[in-house]
Amino acid sequence: MADIYRALADETRRLLMDELAAGEGKTLFELCGALTMGHGLTMSRQAISQHLTVLEDAGLITTQRRGRSKFHYFTPAPLAEIQQRWPNERTPS
């Protein structure tokens, strides 16, 4: 679970997750464009690729190769584990 918190600690990775959660699978090229156009972030493809690797290692995204393209998909299951660990409603004592 520590990998999930480390992945979520970075603003760029949270923006990448926002982009992936908003639609179907996206390529690195599409994510670079979305960060530049939508959020004003200009980073190298290598830097964004490293952020995607951190997210994938934490289980927050999955990838699928189609031809020469690699598509990235948001995976919400690890976030559900966090929500289940600390329920948001308290019972009166």
Foldseek 3Di string as FASTA:
>chain_A
DVLVVVLVVDPLSVVLLVVQVVDPWDFLVVSQVCCCVVPVDHDDSVVVVVSVVSCVVVVQWDWDDDVPTITIHGDCVVVVVVCVVPPPDDDDD
